[in-house]
């Protein structure tokens, strides 16, 4: 599953069909499709350069990092993987897309709608394992995409030895089952971690039922041309959708505030999840104190993202925290300090020097159908030098050694999560 972008491109383009299966017309189509993909890349770069976010120097290098991530994702999704011979690809720290959660290991496989697949594996020490079938892209406005089916961790039937099996098919199947309607396009698996010091991933695999022994045909010019055209179209769409969502949804709120928790299901979020969001806009000498409460679910977390909706660096910076990682005050709540400099408290969220960014909070597995208004997250902007006035007296100080230890734990966990 781990490839560099160069090796992915090479793998996609180096496979050639026998000469007898090709034609000059197909070869011309292939060349034209490659040119179209290059043009989509150029158009996407122009879109980012002309975007209002790009006017801020802090968003320029990250714009190209974002574009590179989107290129890599489309190469993997459209050029390499297919529904006939499915594998799970990992959306990891190379591909930061759509407010990607630092606490999750996302697995994505392409589906042929209306066919039957078997997903199988073994639970690891992850906090949750949730499955969802998409038909198109629910987060792209006007596309008609939808979340077609879901199987939550609470619903998953697991054998005593930790193994599980899920059937994807158009008709109901005994045991763990997800509908695979005719318009389905992919399955998304979320492995969620809360205690980064002890939790590690299990394994998840997929087979197209009845075709496990099929020989994969050699890729033809026409087939590759079709994949390149799809990659070009998807690149144009995805590069634009996330900053547009940030601009129209997250920045419409007043800066340094948190909105009411909501159900993100309509945008493709996992069922049973509550989310809350806001944005920060802080001078170097300012901080934002976000107060939250522990909820009934088995996972909750807070993270920061940039304006392209990419997660901030989370393995080598503390830009996210879970309920297990955060220090809880005697009053029963969590106080997170968002700032560009380390304030010497455990629950610091590092803006990495950014003035502006997005704040995302997630709550999974809650038993309540409604979020208690008395426990809505709150946000208070203060001077960085005065944060102790606004924090509980029992808020501990954290030493440089303690901070270094927690950072080493973060880096270790991310490597264990993705480098296997």
Protein backbone atom coordinates (compact mmCIF):
# COMPACT_ATOMS: atom_id res chain seq x y z
CA UNK A 1 0.00 0.00 0.00
CA UNK A 2 2.92 2.37 0.51
CA UNK A 3 4.22 3.94 -2.69
CA UNK A 4 5.87 7.19 -3.64
CA UNK A 5 4.01 9.36 -6.13
CA UNK A 6 6.74 8.64 -8.70
CA UNK A 7 6.36 4.88 -8.39
CA UNK A 8 2.57 5.18 -8.61
CA UNK A 9 2.79 7.11 -11.87
CA UNK A 10 5.33 4.67 -13.24
CA UNK A 11 3.19 1.69 -12.27
CA UNK A 12 0.19 3.20 -13.98
CA UNK A 13 1.91 4.15 -17.22
CA UNK A 14 4.45 1.38 -17.69
CA UNK A 15 1.95 -1.44 -18.23
CA UNK A 16 1.34 -1.89 -21.95
CA UNK A 17 -0.95 -4.24 -23.78
CA UNK A 18 0.34 -6.47 -26.57
CA UNK A 19 0.87 -4.53 -29.78
CA UNK A 20 -1.86 -6.52 -31.50
CA UNK A 21 -4.41 -5.18 -29.03
CA UNK A 22 -3.53 -1.56 -29.73
CA UNK A 23 -4.34 0.77 -32.61
CA UNK A 24 -3.08 4.16 -33.78
CA UNK A 25 -6.44 5.69 -32.84
CA UNK A 26 -6.25 4.33 -29.29
CA UNK A 27 -2.67 5.52 -29.00
CA UNK A 28 -3.71 9.03 -29.99
CA UNK A 29 -6.52 8.90 -27.42
CA UNK A 30 -4.03 7.86 -24.77
CA UNK A 31 -1.70 10.75 -25.58
CA UNK A 32 -4.62 13.18 -25.58
CA UNK A 33 -5.84 11.85 -22.22
CA UNK A 34 -2.40 12.30 -20.68
CA UNK A 35 -2.33 15.88 -22.01
CA UNK A 36 -5.77 16.40 -20.45
CA UNK A 37 -4.48 15.24 -17.07
CA UNK A 38 -1.56 17.65 -17.35
CA UNK A 39 -3.98 20.42 -18.30
CA UNK A 40 -6.15 19.63 -15.27
CA UNK A 41 -3.05 19.94 -13.08
CA UNK A 42 -2.21 23.33 -14.61
CA UNK A 43 -5.80 24.55 -14.24
CA UNK A 44 -5.87 23.41 -10.61
CA UNK A 45 -2.67 25.31 -9.88
CA UNK A 46 -4.19 28.42 -11.47
CA UNK A 47 -7.33 28.03 -9.34
CA UNK A 48 -5.23 27.91 -6.16
CA UNK A 49 -3.04 30.87 -7.13
CA UNK A 50 -6.13 32.97 -7.82
CA UNK A 51 -7.91 31.91 -4.63
CA UNK A 52 -8.21 34.56 -1.87
CA UNK A 53 -6.45 32.21 0.58
CA UNK A 54 -3.33 32.35 -1.59
CA UNK A 55 -2.92 36.05 -0.86
CA UNK A 56 -1.72 35.15 2.63
CA UNK A 57 1.93 34.07 2.53
CA UNK A 58 1.24 31.31 5.07
CA UNK A 59 -1.07 29.57 2.56
CA UNK A 60 1.21 29.50 -0.49
CA UNK A 61 3.56 26.60 0.17
CA UNK A 62 0.65 24.65 1.65
CA UNK A 63 -1.35 25.29 -1.55
CA UNK A 64 1.19 23.30 -3.55
CA UNK A 65 1.39 20.64 -0.84
CA UNK A 66 -2.39 20.40 -1.10
CA UNK A 67 -2.28 20.15 -4.89
CA UNK A 68 0.37 17.43 -4.71
CA UNK A 69 -1.81 15.51 -2.24
CA UNK A 70 -4.81 15.79 -4.55
CA UNK A 71 -2.73 14.60 -7.52
CA UNK A 72 -1.46 11.61 -5.58
CA UNK A 73 -4.97 10.72 -4.39
CA UNK A 74 -6.40 10.86 -7.91
CA UNK A 75 -3.51 8.83 -9.33
CA UNK A 76 -4.10 6.15 -6.72
CA UNK A 77 -7.88 6.22 -6.95
CA UNK A 78 -8.38 6.54 -10.70
CA UNK A 79 -5.23 5.20 -12.36
CA UNK A 80 -4.10 2.40 -10.07
CA UNK A 81 -7.10 0.91 -8.28
CA UNK A 82 -10.24 -0.57 -9.83
CA UNK A 83 -13.37 -2.41 -8.75
CA UNK A 84 -12.60 -5.59 -10.69
CA UNK A 85 -9.46 -6.36 -8.66
CA UNK A 86 -9.96 -4.34 -5.45
CA UNK A 87 -7.44 -3.43 -2.81
CA UNK A 88 -7.65 -0.92 0.01
CA UNK A 89 -5.56 2.19 -0.45
CA UNK A 90 -4.54 4.18 2.61
CA UNK A 91 -5.34 7.85 2.98
CA UNK A 92 -2.41 8.64 5.24
CA UNK A 93 -0.13 11.56 6.11
CA UNK A 94 0.87 11.91 2.43
CA UNK A 95 -2.70 12.68 1.40
CA UNK A 96 -4.33 15.35 3.58
CA UNK A 97 -7.79 15.86 2.19
CA UNK A 98 -11.18 16.99 3.41
CA UNK A 99 -10.33 17.76 7.02
CA UNK A 100 -8.66 14.37 7.42
CA UNK A 101 -8.68 13.23 11.03
CA UNK A 102 -5.24 12.68 12.65
CA UNK A 103 -6.83 9.95 14.80
CA UNK A 104 -7.98 7.86 11.85
CA UNK A 105 -6.46 5.43 9.40
CA UNK A 106 -8.71 5.67 6.36
CA UNK A 107 -8.94 2.72 3.96
CA UNK A 108 -10.67 3.20 0.60
CA UNK A 109 -11.49 0.63 -2.09
CA UNK A 110 -13.15 1.12 -5.47
CA UNK A 111 -16.39 -0.82 -6.01
CA UNK A 112 -18.43 -1.94 -8.99
CA UNK A 113 -21.95 -1.01 -8.01
CA UNK A 114 -24.40 -3.90 -7.75
CA UNK A 115 -21.72 -6.60 -7.41
CA UNK A 116 -20.79 -8.73 -4.38
CA UNK A 117 -17.65 -8.22 -2.29
CA UNK A 118 -16.32 -9.72 0.91
CA UNK A 119 -14.44 -7.52 3.38
CA UNK A 120 -12.51 -9.49 5.96
CA UNK A 121 -9.85 -8.99 8.58
CA UNK A 122 -8.97 -8.91 12.24
CA UNK A 123 -9.51 -6.21 14.83
CA UNK A 124 -6.44 -4.49 16.15
CA UNK A 125 -6.30 -2.35 19.25
CA UNK A 126 -8.05 0.53 17.52
CA UNK A 127 -10.84 2.30 19.38
CA UNK A 128 -13.39 1.99 16.57
CA UNK A 129 -13.79 0.40 13.13
CA UNK A 130 -16.57 1.87 10.96
CA UNK A 131 -17.57 1.03 7.37
CA UNK A 132 -19.40 3.16 4.83
CA UNK A 133 -20.37 2.77 1.16
CA UNK A 134 -20.40 5.88 -1.03
CA UNK A 135 -22.20 6.43 -4.29
CA UNK A 136 -20.27 9.29 -5.82
CA UNK A 137 -19.02 12.10 -3.59
CA UNK A 138 -21.58 13.27 -0.99
CA UNK A 139 -19.42 16.29 -0.10
CA UNK A 140 -19.48 17.70 -3.67
CA UNK A 141 -22.49 20.02 -3.89
CA UNK A 142 -24.84 19.30 -6.77
CA UNK A 143 -23.08 16.06 -7.74
CA UNK A 144 -25.84 13.76 -6.53
CA UNK A 145 -23.36 11.81 -4.42
CA UNK A 146 -24.63 10.11 -1.29
CA UNK A 147 -23.66 7.89 1.61
CA UNK A 148 -25.41 4.70 0.51
CA UNK A 149 -24.86 2.35 3.46
CA UNK A 150 -23.03 2.16 6.78
CA UNK A 151 -22.00 -0.38 9.40
CA UNK A 152 -20.89 1.07 12.72
CA UNK A 153 -18.48 -0.42 15.22
CA UNK A 154 -21.41 -1.06 17.56
CA UNK A 155 -23.15 -3.12 14.84
CA UNK A 156 -20.10 -5.11 13.73
CA UNK A 157 -20.23 -8.80 14.69
CA UNK A 158 -16.74 -10.04 15.57
CA UNK A 159 -15.62 -13.64 16.25
CA UNK A 160 -13.95 -14.51 19.58
CA UNK A 161 -10.53 -14.53 17.89
CA UNK A 162 -11.05 -10.94 16.67
CA UNK A 163 -11.77 -11.83 13.04
CA UNK A 164 -14.72 -10.45 11.09
CA UNK A 165 -16.35 -10.77 7.69
CA UNK A 166 -18.66 -8.29 5.94
CA UNK A 167 -20.63 -8.87 2.77
CA UNK A 168 -21.32 -6.09 0.29
CA UNK A 169 -24.09 -6.95 -2.14
CA UNK A 170 -27.26 -5.49 -3.67
CA UNK A 171 -29.41 -7.97 -1.72
CA UNK A 172 -29.33 -8.57 2.03
CA UNK A 173 -26.87 -11.19 3.23
CA UNK A 174 -26.78 -13.01 6.62
CA UNK A 175 -24.32 -11.64 9.17
CA UNK A 176 -22.49 -8.37 8.69
CA UNK A 177 -23.92 -6.77 5.54
CA UNK A 178 -23.63 -3.51 3.62
CA UNK A 179 -25.82 -2.73 0.66
CA UNK A 180 -23.86 -2.25 -2.56
CA UNK A 181 -26.39 -0.49 -4.83
CA UNK A 182 -25.91 -0.12 -8.56
CA UNK A 183 -24.63 3.45 -8.20
CA UNK A 184 -22.05 2.62 -5.49
CA UNK A 185 -18.48 3.70 -6.21
CA UNK A 186 -16.33 2.98 -3.15
CA UNK A 187 -16.15 1.72 0.41
CA UNK A 188 -14.55 3.81 3.13
CA UNK A 189 -13.22 2.21 6.32
CA UNK A 190 -12.30 4.31 9.35
CA UNK A 191 -9.92 2.82 11.92
CA UNK A 192 -10.05 5.24 14.83
CA UNK A 193 -7.45 5.59 17.59
CA UNK A 194 -7.72 7.48 20.86
CA UNK A 195 -4.83 6.28 23.03
CA UNK A 196 -1.84 6.66 20.72
CA UNK A 197 0.43 5.08 23.30
CA UNK A 198 -1.21 1.65 23.21
CA UNK A 199 -3.58 1.36 20.25
CA UNK A 200 -2.46 -0.16 16.95
CA UNK A 201 -4.31 -1.05 13.73
CA UNK A 202 -5.65 -4.43 12.76
CA UNK A 203 -5.94 -5.60 9.17
CA UNK A 204 -8.75 -5.14 6.66
CA UNK A 205 -8.92 -6.74 3.19
CA UNK A 206 -11.38 -7.02 0.31
CA UNK A 207 -12.20 -9.54 -2.43
CA UNK A 208 -14.66 -9.47 -5.32
CA UNK A 209 -16.70 -12.60 -4.70
CA UNK A 210 -16.45 -15.21 -7.43
CA UNK A 211 -13.44 -13.57 -9.04
CA UNK A 212 -10.71 -14.26 -6.48
CA UNK A 213 -8.67 -16.36 -8.93
CA UNK A 214 -9.20 -14.25 -12.03
CA UNK A 215 -6.17 -13.17 -14.04
CA UNK A 216 -5.95 -9.41 -14.27
CA UNK A 217 -5.95 -8.34 -17.94
CA UNK A 218 -3.15 -6.24 -19.35
CA UNK A 219 -4.06 -2.57 -19.44
CA UNK A 220 -4.87 -1.27 -22.92
CA UNK A 221 -4.36 2.19 -24.37
CA UNK A 222 -8.12 2.77 -24.40
CA UNK A 223 -8.53 1.68 -20.78
CA UNK A 224 -5.69 3.89 -19.58
CA UNK A 225 -7.04 6.82 -21.56
CA UNK A 226 -10.39 6.42 -19.82
CA UNK A 227 -8.68 6.33 -16.42
CA UNK A 228 -6.64 9.43 -17.21
CA UNK A 229 -9.74 11.35 -18.26
CA UNK A 230 -11.50 10.38 -15.03
CA UNK A 231 -8.44 11.39 -13.00
CA UNK A 232 -8.38 14.77 -14.75
CA UNK A 233 -12.06 15.40 -14.04
CA UNK A 234 -11.77 14.29 -10.41
CA UNK A 235 -8.66 16.41 -9.86
CA UNK A 236 -10.46 19.55 -11.04
CA UNK A 237 -13.40 18.79 -8.74
CA UNK A 238 -11.51 17.81 -5.61
CA UNK A 239 -8.98 20.64 -5.71
CA UNK A 240 -11.84 23.13 -5.72
CA UNK A 241 -14.33 21.47 -3.35
CA UNK A 242 -12.38 21.65 -0.07
CA UNK A 243 -11.26 25.33 0.01
CA UNK A 244 -14.73 26.25 -1.25
CA UNK A 245 -16.27 24.33 1.65
CA UNK A 246 -13.95 26.09 4.12
CA UNK A 247 -14.83 29.48 2.67
CA UNK A 248 -18.60 28.96 2.52
CA UNK A 249 -19.08 26.87 5.65
CA UNK A 250 -16.30 27.23 8.21
CA UNK A 251 -15.25 30.85 7.69
CA UNK A 252 -18.82 32.13 7.67
CA UNK A 253 -18.76 31.90 11.43
CA UNK A 254 -17.18 34.70 13.40
CA UNK A 255 -13.50 34.07 13.98
CA UNK A 256 -12.49 32.41 17.25
CA UNK A 257 -15.88 30.84 17.89
CA UNK A 258 -17.21 27.26 17.86
CA UNK A 259 -20.58 26.34 16.36
CA UNK A 260 -23.23 24.00 17.70
CA UNK A 261 -22.58 20.25 17.28
CA UNK A 262 -24.22 18.77 14.18
CA UNK A 263 -24.68 15.46 12.38
CA UNK A 264 -22.25 15.34 9.40
CA UNK A 265 -24.02 12.42 7.72
CA UNK A 266 -25.37 14.53 4.85
CA UNK A 267 -21.78 15.42 3.91
CA UNK A 268 -20.59 11.81 4.01
CA UNK A 269 -19.65 11.71 7.68
CA UNK A 270 -19.92 8.52 9.68
CA UNK A 271 -23.44 7.87 11.07
CA UNK A 272 -23.76 8.31 14.82
CA UNK A 273 -21.14 11.05 14.90
CA UNK A 274 -21.53 14.58 16.16
CA UNK A 275 -19.17 17.27 14.91
CA UNK A 276 -18.56 20.85 15.93
CA UNK A 277 -16.41 23.33 14.06
CA UNK A 278 -15.06 26.84 14.05
CA UNK A 279 -12.08 28.84 12.93
CA UNK A 280 -9.23 30.70 14.60
CA UNK A 281 -7.65 34.01 13.65
CA UNK A 282 -4.93 34.80 16.15
CA UNK A 283 -2.10 37.30 16.41
CA UNK A 284 1.25 35.92 17.63
CA UNK A 285 0.53 37.18 21.16
CA UNK A 286 -3.01 35.72 21.33
CA UNK A 287 -4.47 32.34 22.22
CA UNK A 288 -7.88 30.70 21.97
CA UNK A 289 -9.14 28.63 24.89
CA UNK A 290 -11.63 25.97 23.79
CA UNK A 291 -13.61 24.27 26.54
CA UNK A 292 -15.27 20.89 25.94
CA UNK A 293 -16.81 18.15 28.07
CA UNK A 294 -16.40 14.36 28.02
CA UNK A 295 -19.37 12.75 26.29
CA UNK A 296 -20.89 9.27 26.44
CA UNK A 297 -19.21 7.92 23.30
CA UNK A 298 -15.98 5.96 23.10
CA UNK A 299 -14.07 8.54 21.06
CA UNK A 300 -13.78 12.32 20.92
CA UNK A 301 -11.08 14.49 19.48
CA UNK A 302 -10.13 18.01 18.46
CA UNK A 303 -7.82 19.02 15.62
CA UNK A 304 -6.60 21.99 13.59
CA UNK A 305 -6.55 22.21 9.79
CA UNK A 306 -5.36 24.80 7.30
CA UNK A 307 -7.62 26.75 4.95
CA UNK A 308 -7.16 24.20 2.17
CA UNK A 309 -8.82 21.78 4.63
CA UNK A 310 -5.70 19.70 5.11
CA UNK A 311 -4.81 18.50 8.61
CA UNK A 312 -1.87 20.32 10.14
CA UNK A 313 1.24 18.19 10.74
CA UNK A 314 0.22 15.78 13.51
CA UNK A 315 3.12 13.35 13.92
CA UNK A 316 5.82 15.93 14.64
CA UNK A 317 3.60 18.72 16.03
CA UNK A 318 0.78 18.58 18.60
CA UNK A 319 -2.06 19.86 16.42
CA UNK A 320 -4.68 17.40 17.69
CA UNK A 321 -5.69 15.71 20.94
CA UNK A 322 -8.17 13.02 21.94
CA UNK A 323 -10.08 12.54 25.14
CA UNK A 324 -7.46 10.00 26.20
CA UNK A 325 -4.53 12.26 25.39
CA UNK A 326 -5.91 15.44 26.94
CA UNK A 327 -5.65 16.42 30.61
CA UNK A 328 -9.04 16.80 32.29
CA UNK A 329 -9.61 19.47 34.91
CA UNK A 330 -11.22 18.95 38.31
CA UNK A 331 -14.39 20.67 37.06
CA UNK A 332 -14.87 17.74 34.67
CA UNK A 333 -14.08 19.55 31.43
CA UNK A 334 -11.17 19.89 29.01
CA UNK A 335 -9.46 23.21 28.31
CA UNK A 336 -7.52 23.35 25.05
CA UNK A 337 -5.19 26.25 24.31
CA UNK A 338 -4.77 27.06 20.61
CA UNK A 339 -1.66 29.16 20.11
CA UNK A 340 1.40 29.60 17.94
CA UNK A 341 3.80 29.24 20.88
CA UNK A 342 3.95 26.59 23.58
CA UNK A 343 2.14 28.00 26.65
CA UNK A 344 3.48 25.26 28.92
CA UNK A 345 0.15 23.48 29.49
CA UNK A 346 -0.68 19.87 28.50
CA UNK A 347 -3.62 20.63 26.19
CA UNK A 348 -1.78 22.93 23.80
CA UNK A 349 -2.85 22.81 20.14
CA UNK A 350 -0.05 24.11 17.96
CA UNK A 351 -1.12 26.42 15.10
CA UNK A 352 2.38 25.84 13.62
CA UNK A 353 2.68 29.60 13.37
CA UNK A 354 -0.47 30.07 11.29
CA UNK A 355 -2.67 33.06 11.90
CA UNK A 356 -5.82 31.44 10.48
CA UNK A 357 -7.15 27.90 10.38
CA UNK A 358 -10.06 25.55 10.96
CA UNK A 359 -11.04 23.85 14.24
CA UNK A 360 -12.79 20.46 14.09
CA UNK A 361 -14.26 18.45 16.98
CA UNK A 362 -15.64 14.91 16.65
CA UNK A 363 -17.73 12.76 19.01
CA UNK A 364 -18.30 9.09 18.05
CA UNK A 365 -20.43 6.34 19.56
CA UNK A 366 -22.63 8.57 21.68
CA UNK A 367 -25.77 7.01 23.09
CA UNK A 368 -27.67 10.31 23.02
CA UNK A 369 -29.60 11.34 19.92
CA UNK A 370 -29.31 14.99 20.92
CA UNK A 371 -26.23 16.88 22.09
CA UNK A 372 -26.71 18.49 25.51
CA UNK A 373 -26.78 22.29 24.93
CA UNK A 374 -25.17 22.80 28.34
CA UNK A 375 -22.11 20.99 27.00
CA UNK A 376 -21.68 22.76 23.69
CA UNK A 377 -18.00 23.67 23.16
CA UNK A 378 -17.05 27.25 23.95
CA UNK A 379 -14.16 29.45 22.81
CA UNK A 380 -12.51 32.48 24.45
CA UNK A 381 -9.77 34.58 22.87
CA UNK A 382 -7.16 35.85 25.36
CA UNK A 383 -3.65 37.22 25.48
CA UNK A 384 -1.13 34.40 25.46
CA UNK A 385 0.63 35.82 28.52
CA UNK A 386 -2.66 35.83 30.45
CA UNK A 387 -3.95 32.31 29.78
CA UNK A 388 -3.50 31.24 33.41
CA UNK A 389 -6.18 33.75 34.41
CA UNK A 390 -8.70 31.83 32.30
CA UNK A 391 -7.67 28.26 33.10
CA UNK A 392 -8.61 26.24 36.23
CA UNK A 393 -6.10 26.50 39.02
CA UNK A 394 -5.44 22.77 38.81
CA UNK A 395 -4.11 23.09 35.24
CA UNK A 396 -0.61 21.60 35.46
CA UNK A 397 2.53 23.00 33.90
CA UNK A 398 4.31 20.74 31.43
CA UNK A 399 8.06 20.60 31.18
CA UNK A 400 10.14 20.54 28.04
CA UNK A 401 11.03 16.93 28.82
CA UNK A 402 7.37 15.95 29.20
CA UNK A 403 6.50 17.68 25.93
CA UNK A 404 9.32 15.87 24.18
CA UNK A 405 8.10 12.53 25.50
CA UNK A 406 4.55 13.09 24.24
CA UNK A 407 5.89 14.20 20.86
CA UNK A 408 7.99 11.05 20.57
CA UNK A 409 4.89 8.98 21.35
CA UNK A 410 2.96 10.76 18.60
CA UNK A 411 5.64 10.09 16.01
CA UNK A 412 5.96 6.44 17.04
CA UNK A 413 2.21 5.85 16.79
CA UNK A 414 1.88 7.44 13.34
CA UNK A 415 4.71 5.26 12.05
CA UNK A 416 3.16 2.12 13.55
CA UNK A 417 -0.21 3.10 12.08
CA UNK A 418 0.96 3.73 8.53
CA UNK A 419 4.34 2.07 7.99
CA UNK A 420 3.13 -1.52 7.94
